């Protein structure tokens, strides 16, 4: 669900350049093969003491206000980090209106481009009125905790309510894709807004950057759901070490994929409760095909296009799931796609665009399923995992969610109750999408245009449910 162009910024200037010359808005397009060229903007300003600070925007992807840290302007050079990203930029000031440089990706690919100075951003940044504005009525602390079993160090933020503790607490678990501690999705800082609301309600919150994101160590791409569950449990045990936290009242909130990871962690007796936001209890193929169908229908694809795509994904998952050898799987996958080429060719260009089907089909597009974590997904029994959870569980979904359909709610409830859990609350929120925003269609294209990050009634329900269980 994340299409963001990621970066770590390092601008190199000659010693003759005054750092203050960099103040302003710099805009340029990065030419990337195989994807929509991102239009990048750096908005550089100075605080009252004259120190430079910067924000990054990806204009055409509607990704604004990407945070930067550790900006240093000295000796003719300017450096800054963007913790949520993983790209490196180097550039030099050619004249008062041009920055020339390149992005260096983690895999060593290099993309040269120029930034031109502008009087204003090409489009206005979206408003995010729910994001907290200092001064905050609670404490925030930068923390680091260890998953010693995996040798991973996780960097995060702990929010502590005002007043006398010890407080109940929660560890937040984000969805799929390398996520920062705020679970930033299309400029919405989902976990920042959630943490702010819960902390104001008297619940301490720990949110952390995923493995390999920001200051967290480890490799995201090689980690399975079980690995991330260990990271979350390390967060629980870190909270147990804090005197401000009630060690018997620490729970989890998992969103999307986090709603599948949380039940793995919640089997531990150290977890007091779990909230599953758009979680799942079904097998991989069912979840994929339900989403393909919902997105296709919502986007106006024909019934024929949806049917072809569902059958295609069934075949891809069947081939890869049955063949453990990657080299052989690639050969079998290419052969399995051939019969579908004629059917895809008969679809309209619009259908192919909506369903993201190339013509001819390329086996390489499905190679990500060959990774260790994705292969583990083929054989994971999510219902059996839920059956092991004995703590109180709240499972919620939005009626307009097209990524994880609300049909998952009764499946989650059945799995929990089949395991003997009698402390189960199921809640469907009408009109909400996958981010639990009030939505019209529920499609991903709406996410950035909605000012709301999480609907207030969803926030209030979760906070009340947690407090009822821990006080």
Protein backbone atom coordinates (compact mmCIF):
# COMPACT_ATOMS: atom_id res chain seq x y z
CA UNK A 1 0.00 0.00 0.00
CA UNK A 2 3.03 2.31 0.22
CA UNK A 3 4.29 3.87 -3.02
CA UNK A 4 6.45 6.46 -1.39
CA UNK A 5 9.83 7.46 -2.86
CA UNK A 6 12.23 7.26 0.07
CA UNK A 7 15.36 9.29 0.75
CA UNK A 8 18.19 10.23 3.12
CA UNK A 9 19.28 13.79 2.33
CA UNK A 10 22.89 14.95 2.11
CA UNK A 11 23.52 18.22 0.22
CA UNK A 12 27.20 18.99 -0.43
CA UNK A 13 28.02 22.65 -1.03
CA UNK A 14 31.26 24.43 -1.79
CA UNK A 15 32.79 26.40 1.05
CA UNK A 16 32.03 29.65 -0.78
CA UNK A 17 28.29 29.13 -0.46
CA UNK A 18 26.47 30.78 2.41
CA UNK A 19 24.21 28.23 4.10
CA UNK A 20 21.44 30.82 4.27
CA UNK A 21 21.35 30.79 0.43
CA UNK A 22 19.67 27.39 0.72
CA UNK A 23 16.59 28.80 2.41
CA UNK A 24 13.50 28.45 0.25
CA UNK A 25 11.62 25.86 -1.78
CA UNK A 26 13.51 23.61 -4.18
CA UNK A 27 11.60 21.43 -6.66
CA UNK A 28 12.73 18.82 -9.18
CA UNK A 29 11.70 15.57 -10.86
CA UNK A 30 13.65 12.37 -10.32
CA UNK A 31 13.68 10.15 -13.40
CA UNK A 32 13.07 6.59 -12.18
CA UNK A 33 12.51 3.72 -14.57
CA UNK A 34 9.45 1.60 -14.10
CA UNK A 35 7.52 3.97 -11.86
CA UNK A 36 5.91 7.38 -11.86
CA UNK A 37 8.75 9.96 -11.66
CA UNK A 38 8.51 11.55 -8.21
CA UNK A 39 8.39 15.35 -8.12
CA UNK A 40 10.45 16.12 -5.04
CA UNK A 41 10.53 19.35 -3.07
CA UNK A 42 12.78 20.43 -0.20
CA UNK A 43 11.39 23.24 1.92
CA UNK A 44 14.31 24.76 3.83
CA UNK A 45 13.82 27.43 6.48
CA UNK A 46 15.61 28.85 9.52
CA UNK A 47 14.51 29.07 13.13
CA UNK A 48 14.81 32.16 15.33
CA UNK A 49 18.47 31.31 16.02
CA UNK A 50 19.27 31.09 12.30
CA UNK A 51 19.64 27.29 12.27
CA UNK A 52 18.42 25.62 9.10
CA UNK A 53 15.67 23.00 9.13
CA UNK A 54 13.98 21.17 6.29
CA UNK A 55 10.89 19.29 5.25
CA UNK A 56 10.61 17.04 2.21
CA UNK A 57 7.56 16.67 -0.03
CA UNK A 58 6.75 14.30 -2.91
CA UNK A 59 4.31 16.52 -4.77
CA UNK A 60 2.75 14.22 -7.36
CA UNK A 61 2.29 11.41 -4.83
CA UNK A 62 0.67 13.80 -2.35
CA UNK A 63 3.23 12.95 0.33
CA UNK A 64 3.99 16.04 2.39
CA UNK A 65 5.94 17.09 5.47
CA UNK A 66 8.35 14.18 5.62
CA UNK A 67 10.39 14.72 8.76
CA UNK A 68 14.11 15.44 8.71
CA UNK A 69 16.65 15.30 11.52
CA UNK A 70 20.28 16.11 12.31
CA UNK A 71 20.58 18.99 9.86
CA UNK A 72 24.11 20.41 9.91
CA UNK A 73 25.24 23.43 7.88
CA UNK A 74 28.95 24.11 8.35
CA UNK A 75 32.09 24.45 6.29
CA UNK A 76 30.13 24.98 3.10
CA UNK A 77 28.20 21.73 3.52
CA UNK A 78 24.63 20.91 4.46
CA UNK A 79 23.60 17.48 5.79
CA UNK A 80 20.33 16.09 7.09
CA UNK A 81 18.72 12.73 7.81
CA UNK A 82 15.19 11.61 6.95
CA UNK A 83 14.68 8.73 9.41
CA UNK A 84 11.56 7.32 7.73
CA UNK A 85 13.40 6.96 4.42
CA UNK A 86 16.36 4.97 3.17
CA UNK A 87 17.90 6.95 0.29
CA UNK A 88 20.93 9.24 0.18
CA UNK A 89 21.13 12.60 -1.62
CA UNK A 90 24.19 14.60 -2.51
CA UNK A 91 24.12 17.91 -4.33
CA UNK A 92 25.77 21.25 -4.85
CA UNK A 93 24.47 24.75 -5.40
CA UNK A 94 25.21 25.68 -9.03
CA UNK A 95 23.78 29.17 -8.71
CA UNK A 96 21.18 30.94 -6.59
CA UNK A 97 18.34 29.04 -8.28
CA UNK A 98 19.76 25.57 -9.06
CA UNK A 99 20.80 22.59 -6.93
CA UNK A 100 22.45 19.77 -8.89
CA UNK A 101 22.86 16.35 -7.37
CA UNK A 102 21.70 12.77 -7.17
CA UNK A 103 19.90 10.24 -5.01
CA UNK A 104 21.87 7.15 -4.07
CA UNK A 105 19.65 4.20 -3.25
CA UNK A 106 20.45 1.44 -0.74
CA UNK A 107 21.16 -0.96 -3.62
CA UNK A 108 23.70 1.58 -4.99
CA UNK A 109 21.54 2.78 -7.90
CA UNK A 110 22.09 6.46 -8.59
CA UNK A 111 19.56 8.95 -10.01
CA UNK A 112 20.82 12.39 -11.03
CA UNK A 113 18.49 15.38 -11.15
CA UNK A 114 18.28 19.11 -10.58
CA UNK A 115 16.21 21.15 -8.15
CA UNK A 116 15.03 24.63 -9.10
CA UNK A 117 14.17 27.30 -6.57
CA UNK A 118 10.47 28.22 -6.49
CA UNK A 119 8.49 30.93 -4.75
CA UNK A 120 5.93 28.36 -3.56
CA UNK A 121 5.11 24.67 -3.70
CA UNK A 122 3.39 23.61 -6.97
CA UNK A 123 0.37 22.48 -4.92
CA UNK A 124 -0.66 23.22 -1.37
CA UNK A 125 0.11 20.57 1.23
CA UNK A 126 -2.92 18.75 2.60
CA UNK A 127 -4.15 19.73 6.03
CA UNK A 128 -3.85 17.17 8.81
CA UNK A 129 -5.83 18.82 11.62
CA UNK A 130 -5.63 15.83 14.00
CA UNK A 131 -1.85 15.92 14.27
CA UNK A 132 -0.80 17.21 17.71
CA UNK A 133 0.77 20.65 17.98
CA UNK A 134 3.19 21.51 20.84
CA UNK A 135 3.05 22.21 23.67
CA UNK A 136 1.70 18.75 24.44
CA UNK A 137 -0.18 17.94 27.68
CA UNK A 138 1.98 14.83 28.20
CA UNK A 139 5.61 13.72 28.03
CA UNK A 140 7.32 12.21 25.00
CA UNK A 141 10.62 10.37 25.24
CA UNK A 142 12.94 8.95 22.59
CA UNK A 143 13.69 5.35 23.58
CA UNK A 144 15.61 2.33 22.33
CA UNK A 145 14.82 -1.27 23.23
CA UNK A 146 16.34 -4.59 22.19
CA UNK A 147 15.06 -7.78 20.66
CA UNK A 148 18.02 -9.72 22.00
CA UNK A 149 16.96 -12.99 20.39
CA UNK A 150 17.24 -11.41 16.92
CA UNK A 151 20.05 -8.98 17.73
CA UNK A 152 17.84 -6.07 16.67
CA UNK A 153 17.73 -2.63 18.25
CA UNK A 154 14.45 -0.75 17.85
CA UNK A 155 14.12 3.03 18.10
CA UNK A 156 10.85 4.62 19.10
CA UNK A 157 8.84 7.15 21.03
CA UNK A 158 7.24 6.57 24.42
CA UNK A 159 4.31 8.85 25.31
CA UNK A 160 3.53 9.12 29.03
CA UNK A 161 0.34 10.71 30.42
CA UNK A 162 0.50 13.41 33.03
CA UNK A 163 -0.53 12.56 36.57
CA UNK A 164 0.32 9.76 38.91
CA UNK A 165 1.10 6.35 37.46
CA UNK A 166 1.65 3.58 36.96
CA UNK A 167 -0.36 3.80 33.74
CA UNK A 168 -1.79 1.14 31.45
CA UNK A 169 0.18 0.99 28.22
CA UNK A 170 0.05 -0.22 24.64
CA UNK A 171 2.55 -1.18 21.93
CA UNK A 172 1.53 -0.16 18.39
CA UNK A 173 2.22 -2.59 15.51
CA UNK A 174 2.03 -1.10 11.97
CA UNK A 175 0.87 -2.59 8.68
CA UNK A 176 2.82 -3.96 5.73
CA UNK A 177 5.88 -2.33 4.23
CA UNK A 178 8.76 -0.67 6.09
CA UNK A 179 6.99 1.77 8.40
CA UNK A 180 8.19 4.60 10.58
CA UNK A 181 6.99 4.91 14.16
CA UNK A 182 4.09 7.14 13.05
CA UNK A 183 2.85 4.62 10.46
CA UNK A 184 2.94 7.37 7.84
CA UNK A 185 0.56 6.50 4.99
CA UNK A 186 -0.06 9.06 2.22
CA UNK A 187 1.04 11.84 4.63
CA UNK A 188 -1.33 10.58 7.33
CA UNK A 189 0.62 9.86 10.53
CA UNK A 190 -1.80 7.23 11.73
CA UNK A 191 0.07 6.14 14.85
CA UNK A 192 1.01 9.71 15.83
CA UNK A 193 -2.67 10.63 15.94
CA UNK A 194 -3.58 7.37 17.71
CA UNK A 195 -0.78 7.77 20.27
CA UNK A 196 -1.78 11.38 20.95
CA UNK A 197 -5.41 10.43 21.61
CA UNK A 198 -4.63 7.46 23.84
CA UNK A 199 -2.00 9.32 25.87
CA UNK A 200 -4.41 12.16 26.53
CA UNK A 201 -6.85 9.47 27.71
CA UNK A 202 -4.34 8.21 30.30
CA UNK A 203 -2.74 5.33 28.38
CA UNK A 204 1.03 5.23 27.80
CA UNK A 205 1.96 4.44 24.18
CA UNK A 206 5.11 2.94 22.65
CA UNK A 207 5.52 3.24 18.90
CA UNK A 208 8.72 2.28 17.07
CA UNK A 209 10.33 2.36 13.65
CA UNK A 210 10.27 -1.00 11.87
CA UNK A 211 13.48 -2.98 11.44
CA UNK A 212 15.81 -1.11 9.07
CA UNK A 213 13.77 2.11 9.27
CA UNK A 214 15.09 5.28 10.89
CA UNK A 215 17.47 4.36 13.71
CA UNK A 216 16.16 0.80 14.09
CA UNK A 217 18.59 -1.92 13.04
CA UNK A 218 17.86 -5.16 11.22
CA UNK A 219 16.42 -5.94 7.79
CA UNK A 220 12.72 -5.47 7.15
CA UNK A 221 12.53 -7.49 3.94
CA UNK A 222 13.91 -10.68 5.48
CA UNK A 223 11.62 -10.60 8.54
CA UNK A 224 8.49 -12.73 8.92
CA UNK A 225 5.33 -11.98 10.90
CA UNK A 226 6.80 -14.09 13.68
CA UNK A 227 9.94 -11.91 13.70
CA UNK A 228 7.85 -8.74 13.99
CA UNK A 229 5.85 -10.38 16.77
CA UNK A 230 9.12 -10.86 18.66
CA UNK A 231 9.89 -7.16 18.16
CA UNK A 232 6.49 -6.24 19.60
CA UNK A 233 7.05 -8.54 22.57
CA UNK A 234 10.41 -6.83 23.14
CA UNK A 235 8.43 -3.58 23.32
CA UNK A 236 6.09 -5.10 25.92
CA UNK A 237 9.01 -6.21 28.04
CA UNK A 238 10.64 -2.80 27.72
CA UNK A 239 7.45 -1.21 29.05
CA UNK A 240 7.47 -3.68 31.94
CA UNK A 241 10.83 -2.20 32.95
CA UNK A 242 9.42 1.32 33.21
CA UNK A 243 8.23 2.41 36.67
CA UNK A 244 5.61 4.68 35.06
CA UNK A 245 3.85 1.67 33.50
CA UNK A 246 1.62 -0.95 35.12
CA UNK A 247 3.33 -4.21 34.03
CA UNK A 248 0.04 -6.13 34.23
CA UNK A 249 -1.83 -3.70 31.95
CA UNK A 250 0.24 -3.69 28.76
CA UNK A 251 -1.55 -4.47 25.51
CA UNK A 252 -1.19 -4.29 21.74
CA UNK A 253 -2.83 -2.45 18.89
CA UNK A 254 -2.08 -3.88 15.45
CA UNK A 255 -3.25 -2.25 12.22
CA UNK A 256 -3.68 -4.17 8.94
CA UNK A 257 -0.75 -6.62 8.81
CA UNK A 258 -0.15 -5.55 12.40
CA UNK A 259 -3.58 -7.04 13.10
CA UNK A 260 -2.14 -10.41 12.01
CA UNK A 261 1.12 -9.95 13.90
CA UNK A 262 -0.53 -8.88 17.18
CA UNK A 263 -2.25 -12.26 17.84
CA UNK A 264 1.14 -14.01 17.60
CA UNK A 265 2.48 -11.71 20.33
CA UNK A 266 -0.78 -11.83 22.29
CA UNK A 267 -0.35 -15.52 23.02
CA UNK A 268 2.23 -14.41 25.60
CA UNK A 269 0.97 -14.11 29.21
CA UNK A 270 2.75 -10.72 29.34
CA UNK A 271 0.07 -9.24 27.04
CA UNK A 272 -3.04 -7.99 28.85
CA UNK A 273 -5.22 -7.21 25.80
CA UNK A 274 -5.12 -6.82 22.01
CA UNK A 275 -6.89 -4.53 19.55
CA UNK A 276 -6.97 -5.72 15.93
CA UNK A 277 -7.60 -2.89 13.47
CA UNK A 278 -8.49 -4.47 10.10
CA UNK A 279 -6.88 -7.77 11.01
CA UNK A 280 -7.43 -11.10 9.29
CA UNK A 281 -8.23 -14.71 10.11
CA UNK A 282 -8.17 -16.15 6.61
CA UNK A 283 -5.55 -17.75 4.37
CA UNK A 284 -3.40 -15.66 2.04
CA UNK A 285 -5.29 -16.49 -1.18
CA UNK A 286 -8.70 -15.59 0.28
CA UNK A 287 -7.46 -12.24 1.57
CA UNK A 288 -5.81 -11.34 -1.77
CA UNK A 289 -8.79 -12.34 -3.88
CA UNK A 290 -11.33 -10.54 -1.70
CA UNK A 291 -9.29 -7.35 -1.99
CA UNK A 292 -8.80 -7.77 -5.76
CA UNK A 293 -12.56 -8.14 -6.20
CA UNK A 294 -13.46 -5.20 -3.96
CA UNK A 295 -10.91 -2.83 -5.52
CA UNK A 296 -11.90 -3.93 -9.01
CA UNK A 297 -15.61 -3.37 -8.42
CA UNK A 298 -15.03 -0.06 -6.68
CA UNK A 299 -12.78 1.17 -9.49
CA UNK A 300 -15.19 0.22 -12.28
CA UNK A 301 -13.44 -2.87 -13.69
CA UNK A 302 -15.51 -5.35 -15.68
CA UNK A 303 -16.60 -8.65 -14.16
CA UNK A 304 -14.41 -10.42 -16.75
CA UNK A 305 -11.31 -8.49 -15.67
CA UNK A 306 -11.89 -9.24 -12.01
CA UNK A 307 -12.46 -12.93 -12.75
CA UNK A 308 -9.25 -13.18 -14.79
CA UNK A 309 -7.22 -11.45 -12.08
CA UNK A 310 -8.59 -13.68 -9.32
CA UNK A 311 -7.85 -16.84 -11.32
CA UNK A 312 -4.42 -15.51 -12.19
CA UNK A 313 -3.52 -14.87 -8.55
CA UNK A 314 -4.87 -18.29 -7.56
CA UNK A 315 -2.53 -19.91 -10.10
CA UNK A 316 0.49 -17.79 -9.06
CA UNK A 317 0.02 -18.62 -5.38
CA UNK A 318 -0.58 -22.28 -6.18
CA UNK A 319 2.64 -22.58 -8.21
CA UNK A 320 4.87 -20.75 -5.74
CA UNK A 321 3.30 -22.39 -2.70
CA UNK A 322 3.89 -25.87 -4.15
CA UNK A 323 7.46 -25.34 -5.40
CA UNK A 324 10.11 -24.64 -2.72
CA UNK A 325 12.97 -24.23 -5.21
CA UNK A 326 13.08 -20.62 -6.44
CA UNK A 327 14.73 -21.37 -9.79
CA UNK A 328 12.21 -24.07 -10.64
CA UNK A 329 9.35 -21.92 -9.33
CA UNK A 330 10.33 -19.12 -11.74
CA UNK A 331 10.22 -21.54 -14.70
CA UNK A 332 6.87 -22.97 -13.62
CA UNK A 333 5.51 -19.50 -13.00
CA UNK A 334 6.42 -18.31 -16.52
CA UNK A 335 4.73 -21.40 -18.00
CA UNK A 336 1.63 -20.94 -15.83
CA UNK A 337 1.18 -17.35 -17.03
CA UNK A 338 1.16 -18.18 -20.74
CA UNK A 339 -2.48 -19.37 -20.89
CA UNK A 340 -3.59 -16.12 -19.25
CA UNK A 341 -1.90 -13.86 -21.83
CA UNK A 342 -4.68 -14.30 -24.39
CA UNK A 343 -7.39 -13.54 -21.81
CA UNK A 344 -5.58 -10.44 -20.57
CA UNK A 345 -5.06 -9.24 -24.18
CA UNK A 346 -8.83 -9.37 -24.70
CA UNK A 347 -9.48 -7.00 -21.81
CA UNK A 348 -9.82 -3.28 -22.40
CA UNK A 349 -6.87 -1.01 -21.69
CA UNK A 350 -8.92 0.50 -18.86
CA UNK A 351 -9.50 -2.93 -17.29
CA UNK A 352 -5.80 -3.75 -17.50
CA UNK A 353 -4.93 -0.43 -15.88
CA UNK A 354 -7.38 -0.89 -13.00
CA UNK A 355 -6.31 -4.47 -12.33
CA UNK A 356 -2.61 -3.63 -12.86
CA UNK A 357 -2.20 -6.33 -15.49
CA UNK A 358 0.63 -6.00 -18.02
CA UNK A 359 0.27 -7.40 -21.51
CA UNK A 360 2.07 -9.67 -22.00
CA UNK A 361 2.30 -10.80 -18.38
CA UNK A 362 5.77 -10.82 -16.81
CA UNK A 363 6.70 -13.54 -14.33
CA UNK A 364 9.18 -11.14 -12.71
CA UNK A 365 6.28 -9.11 -11.28
CA UNK A 366 5.46 -12.04 -8.99
CA UNK A 367 9.02 -12.80 -7.83
CA UNK A 368 8.50 -10.90 -4.55
CA UNK A 369 6.30 -13.83 -3.47
CA UNK A 370 9.43 -15.98 -3.55
CA UNK A 371 10.98 -14.23 -0.55
CA UNK A 372 11.24 -16.13 2.71
CA UNK A 373 8.63 -14.02 4.54
CA UNK A 374 6.11 -14.30 1.70
CA UNK A 375 6.66 -18.03 1.41
CA UNK A 376 5.94 -18.26 5.15
CA UNK A 377 2.60 -16.54 4.46
CA UNK A 378 1.51 -19.46 2.27
CA UNK A 379 1.59 -21.87 5.17
CA UNK A 380 0.60 -19.68 8.11
CA UNK A 381 -2.72 -20.66 9.70
CA UNK A 382 -3.99 -17.35 11.03
CA UNK A 383 -7.12 -18.89 12.53
CA UNK A 384 -5.00 -21.33 14.54
CA UNK A 385 -2.88 -18.42 15.78
CA UNK A 386 -6.00 -16.61 16.98
CA UNK A 387 -7.18 -19.72 18.79
CA UNK A 388 -4.14 -19.44 21.09
CA UNK A 389 -5.05 -15.92 22.25
CA UNK A 390 -6.67 -15.94 25.69
CA UNK A 391 -6.51 -12.23 26.64
CA UNK A 392 -9.39 -9.80 25.88
CA UNK A 393 -9.55 -8.93 22.17
CA UNK A 394 -11.25 -6.08 20.32
CA UNK A 395 -11.47 -6.62 16.54
CA UNK A 396 -12.67 -3.68 14.42
CA UNK A 397 -13.09 -2.98 10.73
CA UNK A 398 -14.59 -0.38 8.42
CA UNK A 399 -17.55 -1.22 6.20
CA UNK A 400 -15.81 0.44 3.21
CA UNK A 401 -12.44 -1.27 3.69
CA UNK A 402 -11.32 -2.72 0.32
CA UNK A 403 -7.90 -3.86 1.51
CA UNK A 404 -8.97 -6.11 4.38
CA UNK A 405 -12.66 -6.74 4.00
CA UNK A 406 -15.10 -6.60 6.95
CA UNK A 407 -15.88 -10.25 6.19
CA UNK A 408 -12.81 -10.94 8.30
CA UNK A 409 -14.60 -9.91 11.52
CA UNK A 410 -16.82 -13.01 11.90
CA UNK A 411 -13.84 -15.19 10.99
CA UNK A 412 -11.75 -13.58 13.72
CA UNK A 413 -14.57 -13.99 16.24
CA UNK A 414 -15.06 -17.66 15.34
CA UNK A 415 -11.34 -18.43 15.64
CA UNK A 416 -11.06 -16.72 19.02
CA UNK A 417 -14.16 -18.42 20.42
CA UNK A 418 -13.11 -21.80 18.98
CA UNK A 419 -9.98 -21.39 21.09
CA UNK A 420 -12.08 -20.82 24.21
CA UNK A 421 -11.67 -17.02 24.41
CA UNK A 422 -14.84 -15.54 25.94
CA UNK A 423 -13.52 -11.97 26.11
CA UNK A 424 -14.14 -11.02 22.48
CA UNK A 425 -15.58 -7.73 21.19
CA UNK A 426 -16.35 -7.30 17.49
CA UNK A 427 -17.15 -3.86 16.07
CA UNK A 428 -17.92 -2.79 12.49
CA UNK A 429 -17.70 0.95 11.81
CA UNK A 430 -20.05 2.05 9.01
CA UNK A 431 -18.57 4.27 6.32
CA UNK A 432 -14.94 3.78 7.37
CA UNK A 433 -12.08 2.73 5.10
CA UNK A 434 -8.88 0.79 5.82
CA UNK A 435 -7.40 3.74 7.73
CA UNK A 436 -10.68 4.12 9.64
CA UNK A 437 -11.36 7.47 7.99
CA UNK A 438 -14.89 8.49 7.04
CA UNK A 439 -14.80 7.65 3.33
CA UNK A 440 -16.93 7.67 0.19
CA UNK A 441 -15.58 4.76 -1.88
CA UNK A 442 -12.96 3.29 0.46
CA UNK A 443 -10.44 3.14 -2.40
CA UNK A 444 -6.78 3.97 -1.75
CA UNK A 445 -6.92 7.01 -4.02
CA UNK A 446 -9.12 8.75 -1.42
CA UNK A 447 -6.68 8.38 1.47
CA UNK A 448 -4.50 11.47 0.87
CA UNK A 449 -7.42 13.75 0.01
CA UNK A 450 -9.28 13.10 3.27
CA UNK A 451 -8.14 15.58 5.93
CA UNK A 452 -9.16 13.25 8.75
CA UNK A 453 -6.52 10.68 9.78
CA UNK A 454 -8.68 8.47 12.04
CA UNK A 455 -12.38 9.10 12.71
CA UNK A 456 -12.97 10.44 16.25
CA UNK A 457 -15.61 7.82 17.05
CA UNK A 458 -13.10 5.04 16.30
CA UNK A 459 -10.50 6.64 18.58
CA UNK A 460 -13.02 7.10 21.37
CA UNK A 461 -14.28 3.51 21.11
CA UNK A 462 -10.80 2.00 21.29
CA UNK A 463 -9.76 4.18 24.24
CA UNK A 464 -12.95 3.37 26.17
CA UNK A 465 -12.61 -0.36 25.49
CA UNK A 466 -8.99 -0.42 26.69
CA UNK A 467 -9.73 1.59 29.84
CA UNK A 468 -12.64 -0.69 30.69
CA UNK A 469 -10.28 -3.68 30.62
CA UNK A 470 -7.36 -2.23 32.57
CA UNK A 471 -8.91 -0.02 35.26
